[in-house]
């Protein structure tokens, strides 16, 4: 079982994400989250998926694309650390990634499928790793991070954005009804 990381295992920037996740087996949490997100988003129309709750904010399509991109990056960092590669991993500009991706041009079911495929890949990686690596650390975006912290960040980051989708998008008065 992969447990919650200690605060010394990650940059304080990620603490709000990690605080969001419940105690328990992170593999089970990741599996459950994927299904919860699928259920939340599967019935959205293209119009709803393109909704922005304020000018300059991302659409739901862009939020979902961002979640998948970030998970890919964190899973790559996990792989590098698990393989004891000592390379320092760079950060990334999330806004530039979203801008360059053009997520709004993709059909929403494809973006949801992409997220689910990324999560399935992450779970395959996590399940294949030996228990001895979870406290192993590497350097990403200029700070130390452990393997288990990366799994926690993936879970917390997705939950953070799912809550935003529920509260600021779907829960807003301006959200399209179809």
N, C-alpha and C. Protein backbone atom coordinates (compact mmCIF):
# COMPACT_ATOMS: atom_id res chain seq x y z
N UNK A 1 0.84 -1.19 0.00
CA UNK A 1 0.00 0.00 0.00
C UNK A 1 0.89 1.25 0.00
N UNK A 2 0.56 2.19 -0.84
CA UNK A 2 1.29 3.46 -0.91
C UNK A 2 0.59 4.43 0.03
N UNK A 3 1.33 4.95 0.99
CA UNK A 3 0.73 5.85 1.98
C UNK A 3 1.07 7.30 1.68
N UNK A 4 0.40 8.18 2.39
CA UNK A 4 0.59 9.62 2.25
C UNK A 4 2.05 9.99 2.55
N UNK A 5 2.63 10.89 1.75
CA UNK A 5 4.02 11.29 1.99
C UNK A 5 4.13 12.27 3.16
N UNK A 6 5.32 12.34 3.70
CA UNK A 6 5.63 13.33 4.74
C UNK A 6 5.88 14.68 4.05
N UNK A 7 5.59 15.80 4.72
CA UNK A 7 5.79 17.11 4.11
C UNK A 7 7.21 17.35 3.58
N UNK A 8 8.21 16.73 4.17
CA UNK A 8 9.59 16.92 3.71
C UNK A 8 9.83 16.28 2.33
N UNK A 9 8.87 15.47 1.85
CA UNK A 9 9.05 14.73 0.60
C UNK A 9 8.59 15.50 -0.64
N UNK A 10 8.14 16.73 -0.48
CA UNK A 10 7.64 17.48 -1.63
C UNK A 10 7.73 18.98 -1.37
N UNK A 11 7.68 19.73 -2.43
CA UNK A 11 7.67 21.19 -2.36
C UNK A 11 6.37 21.64 -1.70
N UNK A 12 6.42 22.62 -0.80
CA UNK A 12 5.20 23.10 -0.14
C UNK A 12 4.10 23.55 -1.12
N UNK A 13 4.47 23.90 -2.34
CA UNK A 13 3.49 24.28 -3.36
C UNK A 13 2.42 23.20 -3.53
N UNK A 14 2.82 21.94 -3.39
CA UNK A 14 1.90 20.81 -3.62
C UNK A 14 1.09 20.42 -2.39
N UNK A 15 1.35 21.03 -1.25
CA UNK A 15 0.64 20.67 -0.01
C UNK A 15 -0.88 20.77 -0.13
N UNK A 16 -1.43 21.82 -0.76
CA UNK A 16 -2.90 21.87 -0.86
C UNK A 16 -3.49 20.68 -1.62
N UNK A 17 -2.80 20.20 -2.63
CA UNK A 17 -3.28 19.03 -3.38
C UNK A 17 -3.24 17.79 -2.49
N UNK A 18 -2.14 17.61 -1.81
CA UNK A 18 -1.97 16.41 -0.99
C UNK A 18 -2.95 16.40 0.18
N UNK A 19 -3.25 17.58 0.73
CA UNK A 19 -4.22 17.65 1.83
C UNK A 19 -5.63 17.24 1.39
N UNK A 20 -5.93 17.36 0.10
CA UNK A 20 -7.27 17.02 -0.39
C UNK A 20 -7.57 15.53 -0.39
N UNK A 21 -6.54 14.71 -0.48
CA UNK A 21 -6.80 13.28 -0.62
C UNK A 21 -7.00 12.62 0.74
N UNK A 22 -7.90 11.66 0.75
CA UNK A 22 -8.18 10.92 1.99
C UNK A 22 -7.03 9.98 2.30
N UNK A 23 -6.91 9.62 3.56
CA UNK A 23 -5.95 8.58 3.92
C UNK A 23 -6.40 7.27 3.30
N UNK A 24 -5.44 6.45 2.99
CA UNK A 24 -5.77 5.14 2.42
C UNK A 24 -4.82 4.78 1.29
N UNK A 25 -5.12 3.70 0.64
CA UNK A 25 -4.30 3.17 -0.44
C UNK A 25 -4.44 4.06 -1.67
N UNK A 26 -3.34 4.66 -2.09
CA UNK A 26 -3.38 5.59 -3.21
C UNK A 26 -3.79 4.92 -4.52
N UNK A 27 -3.49 3.65 -4.70
CA UNK A 27 -3.93 2.95 -5.91
C UNK A 27 -5.45 2.92 -5.96
N UNK A 28 -6.07 2.56 -4.86
CA UNK A 28 -7.53 2.51 -4.81
C UNK A 28 -8.13 3.90 -4.99
N UNK A 29 -7.48 4.91 -4.43
CA UNK A 29 -7.95 6.28 -4.58
C UNK A 29 -7.90 6.69 -6.05
N UNK A 30 -6.80 6.41 -6.74
CA UNK A 30 -6.68 6.75 -8.16
C UNK A 30 -7.73 6.02 -8.99
N UNK A 31 -7.97 4.76 -8.70
CA UNK A 31 -8.98 4.00 -9.43
C UNK A 31 -10.37 4.60 -9.22
N UNK A 32 -10.69 4.90 -7.98
CA UNK A 32 -12.00 5.46 -7.65
C UNK A 32 -12.18 6.84 -8.29
N UNK A 33 -11.14 7.65 -8.24
CA UNK A 33 -11.23 9.00 -8.81
C UNK A 33 -11.53 8.96 -10.31
N UNK A 34 -10.89 8.06 -11.02
CA UNK A 34 -11.11 7.97 -12.47
C UNK A 34 -12.58 7.71 -12.76
N UNK A 35 -13.18 6.82 -12.01
CA UNK A 35 -14.60 6.49 -12.21
C UNK A 35 -15.48 7.67 -11.81
N UNK A 36 -15.16 8.34 -10.72
CA UNK A 36 -15.95 9.50 -10.28
C UNK A 36 -15.90 10.62 -11.32
N UNK A 37 -14.73 10.86 -11.87
CA UNK A 37 -14.59 11.90 -12.88
C UNK A 37 -15.33 11.51 -14.16
N UNK A 38 -15.23 10.25 -14.55
CA UNK A 38 -15.94 9.78 -15.73
C UNK A 38 -17.44 9.99 -15.57
N UNK A 39 -17.97 9.61 -14.42
CA UNK A 39 -19.41 9.77 -14.17
C UNK A 39 -19.81 11.24 -14.18
N UNK A 40 -19.01 12.10 -13.57
CA UNK A 40 -19.31 13.53 -13.52
C UNK A 40 -19.37 14.15 -14.91
N UNK A 41 -18.45 13.76 -15.78
CA UNK A 41 -18.28 14.47 -17.05
C UNK A 41 -18.88 13.78 -18.27
N UNK A 42 -19.21 12.51 -18.19
CA UNK A 42 -19.59 11.75 -19.38
C UNK A 42 -20.80 12.30 -20.12
N UNK A 43 -21.73 12.92 -19.43
CA UNK A 43 -22.94 13.41 -20.08
C UNK A 43 -22.89 14.84 -20.56
N UNK A 44 -21.75 15.50 -20.43
CA UNK A 44 -21.67 16.91 -20.83
C UNK A 44 -21.74 17.04 -22.35
N UNK A 45 -22.45 18.05 -22.81
CA UNK A 45 -22.50 18.37 -24.23
C UNK A 45 -21.24 19.15 -24.61
N UNK A 46 -21.01 19.29 -25.89
CA UNK A 46 -19.87 20.10 -26.36
C UNK A 46 -20.00 21.53 -25.84
N UNK A 47 -21.21 22.07 -25.89
CA UNK A 47 -21.43 23.44 -25.41
C UNK A 47 -21.08 23.56 -23.93
N UNK A 48 -21.50 22.60 -23.14
CA UNK A 48 -21.19 22.62 -21.71
C UNK A 48 -19.68 22.48 -21.49
N UNK A 49 -19.05 21.61 -22.25
CA UNK A 49 -17.61 21.36 -22.09
C UNK A 49 -16.77 22.56 -22.51
N UNK A 50 -17.34 23.44 -23.33
CA UNK A 50 -16.63 24.65 -23.76
C UNK A 50 -16.93 25.85 -22.87
N UNK A 51 -17.75 25.66 -21.85
CA UNK A 51 -18.13 26.73 -20.93
C UNK A 51 -16.93 27.22 -20.13
N UNK A 52 -16.86 28.54 -19.97
CA UNK A 52 -15.87 29.20 -19.12
C UNK A 52 -16.66 30.02 -18.09
N UNK A 53 -16.34 29.88 -16.84
CA UNK A 53 -17.12 30.58 -15.81
C UNK A 53 -16.77 32.06 -15.72
N UNK A 54 -15.66 32.46 -16.34
CA UNK A 54 -15.27 33.88 -16.37
C UNK A 54 -14.33 34.09 -17.55
N UNK A 55 -14.28 35.32 -18.00
CA UNK A 55 -13.38 35.66 -19.10
C UNK A 55 -11.93 35.35 -18.71
N UNK A 56 -11.21 34.72 -19.62
CA UNK A 56 -9.81 34.39 -19.37
C UNK A 56 -9.60 33.08 -18.63
N UNK A 57 -10.67 32.43 -18.20
CA UNK A 57 -10.55 31.14 -17.52
C UNK A 57 -10.63 30.02 -18.55
N UNK A 58 -10.09 28.87 -18.18
CA UNK A 58 -10.12 27.72 -19.08
C UNK A 58 -11.53 27.17 -19.20
N UNK A 59 -11.80 26.54 -20.35
CA UNK A 59 -13.04 25.78 -20.51
C UNK A 59 -12.90 24.45 -19.78
N UNK A 60 -14.00 23.74 -19.62
CA UNK A 60 -13.92 22.40 -19.02
C UNK A 60 -13.03 21.51 -19.87
N UNK A 61 -13.11 21.64 -21.19
CA UNK A 61 -12.22 20.86 -22.07
C UNK A 61 -10.76 21.14 -21.72
N UNK A 62 -10.44 22.40 -21.53
CA UNK A 62 -9.05 22.77 -21.22
C UNK A 62 -8.64 22.27 -19.83
N UNK A 63 -9.55 22.34 -18.88
CA UNK A 63 -9.24 21.83 -17.53
C UNK A 63 -8.94 20.33 -17.61
N UNK A 64 -9.78 19.59 -18.32
CA UNK A 64 -9.58 18.14 -18.42
C UNK A 64 -8.28 17.83 -19.16
N UNK A 65 -7.99 18.58 -20.23
CA UNK A 65 -6.72 18.39 -20.93
C UNK A 65 -5.53 18.69 -20.03
N UNK A 66 -5.66 19.74 -19.23
CA UNK A 66 -4.60 20.10 -18.28
C UNK A 66 -4.39 19.00 -17.24
N UNK A 67 -5.47 18.43 -16.73
CA UNK A 67 -5.34 17.34 -15.77
C UNK A 67 -4.55 16.19 -16.39
N UNK A 68 -4.90 15.82 -17.61
CA UNK A 68 -4.21 14.71 -18.29
C UNK A 68 -2.75 15.04 -18.56
N UNK A 69 -2.48 16.26 -19.05
CA UNK A 69 -1.09 16.66 -19.31
C UNK A 69 -0.26 16.61 -18.03
N UNK A 70 -0.80 17.16 -16.96
CA UNK A 70 -0.07 17.19 -15.69
C UNK A 70 0.17 15.78 -15.18
N UNK A 71 -0.82 14.92 -15.31
CA UNK A 71 -0.64 13.54 -14.86
C UNK A 71 0.45 12.84 -15.67
N UNK A 72 0.49 13.09 -16.97
CA UNK A 72 1.55 12.51 -17.81
C UNK A 72 2.93 12.95 -17.32
N UNK A 73 3.05 14.23 -17.03
CA UNK A 73 4.33 14.78 -16.58
C UNK A 73 4.71 14.19 -15.22
N UNK A 74 3.77 14.15 -14.30
CA UNK A 74 4.06 13.60 -12.97
C UNK A 74 4.39 12.11 -13.05
N UNK A 75 3.70 11.38 -13.92
CA UNK A 75 3.99 9.95 -14.09
C UNK A 75 5.38 9.74 -14.70
N UNK A 76 5.77 10.62 -15.62
CA UNK A 76 7.13 10.52 -16.16
C UNK A 76 8.15 10.78 -15.06
N UNK A 77 7.90 11.79 -14.24
CA UNK A 77 8.80 12.06 -13.12
C UNK A 77 8.88 10.84 -12.21
N UNK A 78 7.75 10.20 -11.96
CA UNK A 78 7.72 8.99 -11.14
C UNK A 78 8.58 7.90 -11.76
N UNK A 79 8.47 7.69 -13.05
CA UNK A 79 9.27 6.68 -13.74
C UNK A 79 10.76 6.97 -13.61
N UNK A 80 11.14 8.22 -13.82
CA UNK A 80 12.55 8.61 -13.72
C UNK A 80 13.08 8.33 -12.32
N UNK A 81 12.33 8.71 -11.30
CA UNK A 81 12.77 8.48 -9.92
C UNK A 81 12.79 6.98 -9.61
N UNK A 82 11.79 6.26 -10.06
CA UNK A 82 11.74 4.81 -9.80
C UNK A 82 12.93 4.09 -10.41
N UNK A 83 13.43 4.58 -11.53
CA UNK A 83 14.56 3.96 -12.20
C UNK A 83 15.90 4.50 -11.71
N UNK A 84 15.85 5.32 -10.65
CA UNK A 84 17.05 5.88 -10.01
C UNK A 84 17.88 6.72 -10.98
N UNK A 85 17.22 7.36 -11.91
CA UNK A 85 17.89 8.29 -12.82
C UNK A 85 18.08 9.60 -12.06
N UNK A 86 19.28 10.11 -12.03
CA UNK A 86 19.59 11.28 -11.22
C UNK A 86 19.41 12.61 -11.95
N UNK A 87 18.83 12.58 -13.13
CA UNK A 87 18.62 13.80 -13.90
C UNK A 87 17.65 14.74 -13.16
N UNK A 88 17.92 16.04 -13.25
CA UNK A 88 17.00 17.02 -12.68
C UNK A 88 15.91 17.29 -13.71
N UNK A 89 14.68 17.10 -13.32
CA UNK A 89 13.55 17.23 -14.23
C UNK A 89 13.04 18.67 -14.24
N UNK A 90 12.76 19.21 -15.42
CA UNK A 90 12.33 20.60 -15.51
C UNK A 90 10.88 20.79 -15.08
N UNK A 91 10.53 22.03 -14.81
CA UNK A 91 9.14 22.38 -14.58
C UNK A 91 8.45 22.57 -15.92
N UNK A 92 7.22 23.05 -15.89
CA UNK A 92 6.50 23.33 -17.13
C UNK A 92 5.51 24.46 -16.88
N UNK A 93 5.17 25.16 -17.94
CA UNK A 93 4.23 26.28 -17.87
C UNK A 93 2.85 25.76 -18.24
N UNK A 94 2.01 25.54 -17.25
CA UNK A 94 0.69 24.94 -17.51
C UNK A 94 -0.15 25.77 -18.46
N UNK A 95 -0.06 27.09 -18.38
CA UNK A 95 -0.85 27.93 -19.27
C UNK A 95 -0.38 27.81 -20.72
N UNK A 96 0.91 27.74 -20.91
CA UNK A 96 1.44 27.57 -22.26
C UNK A 96 1.09 26.20 -22.82
N UNK A 97 1.12 25.18 -21.99
CA UNK A 97 0.73 23.83 -22.44
C UNK A 97 -0.73 23.84 -22.91
N UNK A 98 -1.61 24.44 -22.14
CA UNK A 98 -3.03 24.50 -22.52
C UNK A 98 -3.19 25.30 -23.81
N UNK A 99 -2.51 26.41 -23.89
CA UNK A 99 -2.60 27.25 -25.09
C UNK A 99 -2.14 26.47 -26.33
N UNK A 100 -1.02 25.79 -26.23
CA UNK A 100 -0.47 25.07 -27.37
C UNK A 100 -1.28 23.82 -27.73
N UNK A 101 -1.97 23.25 -26.77
CA UNK A 101 -2.71 22.00 -27.02
C UNK A 101 -3.97 22.21 -27.86
N UNK A 102 -4.62 23.35 -27.72
CA UNK A 102 -5.85 23.58 -28.46
C UNK A 102 -6.96 22.60 -28.10
N UNK A 103 -7.12 22.33 -26.82
CA UNK A 103 -8.09 21.33 -26.37
C UNK A 103 -9.52 21.60 -26.83
N UNK A 104 -9.89 22.87 -26.99
CA UNK A 104 -11.27 23.19 -27.38
C UNK A 104 -11.64 22.66 -28.76
N UNK A 105 -10.66 22.35 -29.59
CA UNK A 105 -10.98 21.85 -30.94
C UNK A 105 -11.28 20.35 -30.96
N UNK A 106 -11.02 19.66 -29.85
CA UNK A 106 -11.24 18.21 -29.79
C UNK A 106 -12.64 17.89 -29.29
N UNK A 107 -13.25 16.82 -29.80
CA UNK A 107 -14.53 16.39 -29.24
C UNK A 107 -14.36 16.03 -27.76
N UNK A 108 -15.31 16.44 -26.95
CA UNK A 108 -15.18 16.21 -25.51
C UNK A 108 -15.05 14.73 -25.15
N UNK A 109 -15.80 13.82 -25.79
CA UNK A 109 -15.60 12.40 -25.45
C UNK A 109 -14.16 11.93 -25.69
N UNK A 110 -13.49 12.50 -26.68
CA UNK A 110 -12.09 12.14 -26.93
C UNK A 110 -11.19 12.61 -25.79
N UNK A 111 -11.46 13.81 -25.28
CA UNK A 111 -10.66 14.33 -24.16
C UNK A 111 -10.90 13.52 -22.89
N UNK A 112 -12.14 13.11 -22.67
CA UNK A 112 -12.42 12.27 -21.50
C UNK A 112 -11.74 10.91 -21.67
N UNK A 113 -11.79 10.36 -22.88
CA UNK A 113 -11.10 9.10 -23.15
C UNK A 113 -9.60 9.22 -22.96
N UNK A 114 -9.05 10.37 -23.36
CA UNK A 114 -7.62 10.62 -23.16
C UNK A 114 -7.27 10.62 -21.68
N UNK A 115 -8.06 11.33 -20.88
CA UNK A 115 -7.81 11.35 -19.44
C UNK A 115 -7.85 9.93 -18.86
N UNK A 116 -8.87 9.16 -19.24
CA UNK A 116 -9.00 7.80 -18.71
C UNK A 116 -7.85 6.91 -19.15
N UNK A 117 -7.36 7.11 -20.37
CA UNK A 117 -6.21 6.33 -20.85
C UNK A 117 -4.95 6.69 -20.08
N UNK A 118 -4.76 7.99 -19.83
CA UNK A 118 -3.61 8.43 -19.04
C UNK A 118 -3.69 7.84 -17.64
N UNK A 119 -4.86 7.88 -17.02
CA UNK A 119 -5.01 7.33 -15.68
C UNK A 119 -4.74 5.83 -15.68
N UNK A 120 -5.23 5.12 -16.68
CA UNK A 120 -4.97 3.67 -16.76
C UNK A 120 -3.48 3.41 -16.88
N UNK A 121 -2.79 4.22 -17.66
CA UNK A 121 -1.34 4.08 -17.81
C UNK A 121 -0.62 4.37 -16.49
N UNK A 122 -1.05 5.42 -15.80
CA UNK A 122 -0.47 5.75 -14.50
C UNK A 122 -0.66 4.59 -13.53
N UNK A 123 -1.85 4.04 -13.49
CA UNK A 123 -2.12 2.93 -12.58
C UNK A 123 -1.28 1.70 -12.92
N UNK A 124 -1.09 1.43 -14.21
CA UNK A 124 -0.25 0.30 -14.61
C UNK A 124 1.17 0.50 -14.11
N UNK A 125 1.70 1.73 -14.26
CA UNK A 125 3.04 2.03 -13.77
C UNK A 125 3.12 1.87 -12.26
N UNK A 126 2.20 2.50 -11.55
CA UNK A 126 2.23 2.48 -10.09
C UNK A 126 2.15 1.05 -9.55
N UNK A 127 1.28 0.25 -10.12
CA UNK A 127 1.12 -1.14 -9.66
C UNK A 127 2.35 -1.99 -9.94
N UNK A 128 3.12 -1.61 -10.95
CA UNK A 128 4.30 -2.40 -11.33
C UNK A 128 5.53 -2.07 -10.49
N UNK A 129 5.50 -0.98 -9.76
CA UNK A 129 6.67 -0.55 -9.01
C UNK A 129 6.80 -1.30 -7.69
N UNK A 130 8.01 -1.58 -7.33
CA UNK A 130 8.32 -2.28 -6.09
C UNK A 130 8.13 -1.35 -4.89
N UNK A 131 7.67 -1.90 -3.80
CA UNK A 131 7.44 -1.10 -2.59
C UNK A 131 8.69 -0.37 -2.10
N UNK A 132 9.85 -0.86 -2.47
CA UNK A 132 11.10 -0.26 -1.99
C UNK A 132 11.38 1.12 -2.58
N UNK A 133 10.65 1.52 -3.61
CA UNK A 133 10.98 2.80 -4.26
C UNK A 133 10.16 3.98 -3.77
N UNK A 134 9.12 3.76 -2.97
CA UNK A 134 8.18 4.84 -2.68
C UNK A 134 8.79 6.03 -1.95
N UNK A 135 9.83 5.83 -1.17
CA UNK A 135 10.46 6.96 -0.49
C UNK A 135 11.68 7.48 -1.26
N UNK A 136 11.99 6.87 -2.39
CA UNK A 136 13.10 7.34 -3.22
C UNK A 136 12.78 8.74 -3.72
N UNK A 137 13.80 9.59 -3.74
CA UNK A 137 13.59 10.98 -4.14
C UNK A 137 14.39 11.35 -5.37
N UNK A 138 13.88 12.34 -6.06
CA UNK A 138 14.56 12.94 -7.19
C UNK A 138 14.34 14.44 -7.14
N UNK A 139 14.80 15.13 -8.18
CA UNK A 139 14.64 16.58 -8.25
C UNK A 139 13.77 16.91 -9.46
N UNK A 140 12.69 17.64 -9.20
CA UNK A 140 11.80 18.10 -10.26
C UNK A 140 11.44 19.55 -10.01
N UNK A 141 11.54 20.36 -11.05
CA UNK A 141 11.19 21.77 -10.95
C UNK A 141 11.97 22.46 -9.82
N UNK A 142 13.22 22.05 -9.65
CA UNK A 142 14.10 22.68 -8.68
C UNK A 142 13.95 22.22 -7.24
N UNK A 143 13.08 21.25 -6.98
CA UNK A 143 12.88 20.79 -5.61
C UNK A 143 12.87 19.28 -5.50
N UNK A 144 13.19 18.79 -4.31
CA UNK A 144 13.14 17.35 -4.08
C UNK A 144 11.70 16.87 -4.03
N UNK A 145 11.49 15.65 -4.54
CA UNK A 145 10.17 15.04 -4.49
C UNK A 145 10.34 13.53 -4.44
N UNK A 146 9.52 12.88 -3.63
CA UNK A 146 9.59 11.42 -3.53
C UNK A 146 8.61 10.78 -4.52
N UNK A 147 8.84 9.51 -4.77
CA UNK A 147 7.96 8.76 -5.67
C UNK A 147 6.53 8.77 -5.14
N UNK A 148 6.35 8.51 -3.84
CA UNK A 148 4.99 8.46 -3.32
C UNK A 148 4.34 9.85 -3.29
N UNK A 149 5.15 10.89 -3.15
CA UNK A 149 4.59 12.24 -3.22
C UNK A 149 4.03 12.51 -4.61
N UNK A 150 4.70 12.03 -5.64
CA UNK A 150 4.20 12.23 -7.00
C UNK A 150 2.84 11.56 -7.20
N UNK A 151 2.68 10.37 -6.67
CA UNK A 151 1.38 9.69 -6.78
C UNK A 151 0.32 10.48 -6.03
N UNK A 152 0.66 11.01 -4.88
CA UNK A 152 -0.26 11.83 -4.09
C UNK A 152 -0.60 13.12 -4.81
N UNK A 153 0.38 13.73 -5.45
CA UNK A 153 0.15 14.96 -6.21
C UNK A 153 -0.81 14.69 -7.36
N UNK A 154 -0.62 13.59 -8.06
CA UNK A 154 -1.52 13.23 -9.17
C UNK A 154 -2.96 13.15 -8.65
N UNK A 155 -3.16 12.44 -7.55
CA UNK A 155 -4.51 12.28 -7.00
C UNK A 155 -5.08 13.62 -6.52
N UNK A 156 -4.29 14.38 -5.80
CA UNK A 156 -4.77 15.65 -5.26
C UNK A 156 -5.02 16.69 -6.33
N UNK A 157 -4.18 16.71 -7.36
CA UNK A 157 -4.34 17.67 -8.46
C UNK A 157 -5.65 17.41 -9.20
N UNK A 158 -5.92 16.15 -9.48
CA UNK A 158 -7.17 15.82 -10.17
C UNK A 158 -8.37 16.20 -9.31
N UNK A 159 -8.32 15.87 -8.03
CA UNK A 159 -9.43 16.20 -7.14
C UNK A 159 -9.63 17.71 -7.03
N UNK A 160 -8.56 18.46 -6.95
CA UNK A 160 -8.62 19.92 -6.91
C UNK A 160 -9.40 20.46 -8.12
N UNK A 161 -9.04 19.98 -9.30
CA UNK A 161 -9.70 20.49 -10.50
C UNK A 161 -11.12 19.95 -10.64
N UNK A 162 -11.38 18.74 -10.18
CA UNK A 162 -12.76 18.22 -10.22
C UNK A 162 -13.66 19.08 -9.33
N UNK A 163 -13.16 19.48 -8.17
CA UNK A 163 -13.95 20.34 -7.28
C UNK A 163 -14.22 21.69 -7.95
N UNK A 164 -13.23 22.23 -8.64
CA UNK A 164 -13.43 23.49 -9.36
C UNK A 164 -14.49 23.32 -10.44
N UNK A 165 -14.43 22.22 -11.19
CA UNK A 165 -15.43 21.96 -12.22
C UNK A 165 -16.83 21.91 -11.60
N UNK A 166 -16.97 21.24 -10.48
CA UNK A 166 -18.29 21.12 -9.84
C UNK A 166 -18.78 22.46 -9.30
N UNK A 167 -17.88 23.23 -8.68
CA UNK A 167 -18.30 24.47 -8.02
C UNK A 167 -18.40 25.66 -8.97
N UNK A 168 -17.39 25.88 -9.79
CA UNK A 168 -17.34 27.10 -10.60
C UNK A 168 -17.90 26.93 -12.00
N UNK A 169 -18.00 25.72 -12.45
CA UNK A 169 -18.53 25.48 -13.80
C UNK A 169 -19.96 24.94 -13.69
N UNK A 170 -20.08 23.66 -13.36
CA UNK A 170 -21.39 23.01 -13.32
C UNK A 170 -22.30 23.66 -12.28
N UNK A 171 -21.74 24.11 -11.18
CA UNK A 171 -22.54 24.71 -10.12
C UNK A 171 -22.82 26.19 -10.30
N UNK A 172 -22.34 26.78 -11.38
CA UNK A 172 -22.55 28.22 -11.56
C UNK A 172 -23.90 28.48 -12.21
N UNK A 173 -24.43 29.66 -11.99
CA UNK A 173 -25.71 30.03 -12.58
C UNK A 173 -25.67 30.17 -14.09
N UNK A 174 -24.49 30.38 -14.64
CA UNK A 174 -24.38 30.56 -16.08
C UNK A 174 -24.11 29.29 -16.87
N UNK A 175 -24.04 28.16 -16.19
CA UNK A 175 -23.71 26.91 -16.88
C UNK A 175 -24.84 26.51 -17.82
N UNK A 176 -24.52 26.24 -19.10
CA UNK A 176 -25.57 25.87 -20.06
C UNK A 176 -26.29 24.59 -19.63
N UNK A 177 -27.58 24.54 -19.88
CA UNK A 177 -28.37 23.37 -19.49
C UNK A 177 -28.31 22.23 -20.50
N UNK A 178 -27.74 22.48 -21.66
CA UNK A 178 -27.59 21.42 -22.67
C UNK A 178 -26.29 21.56 -23.39
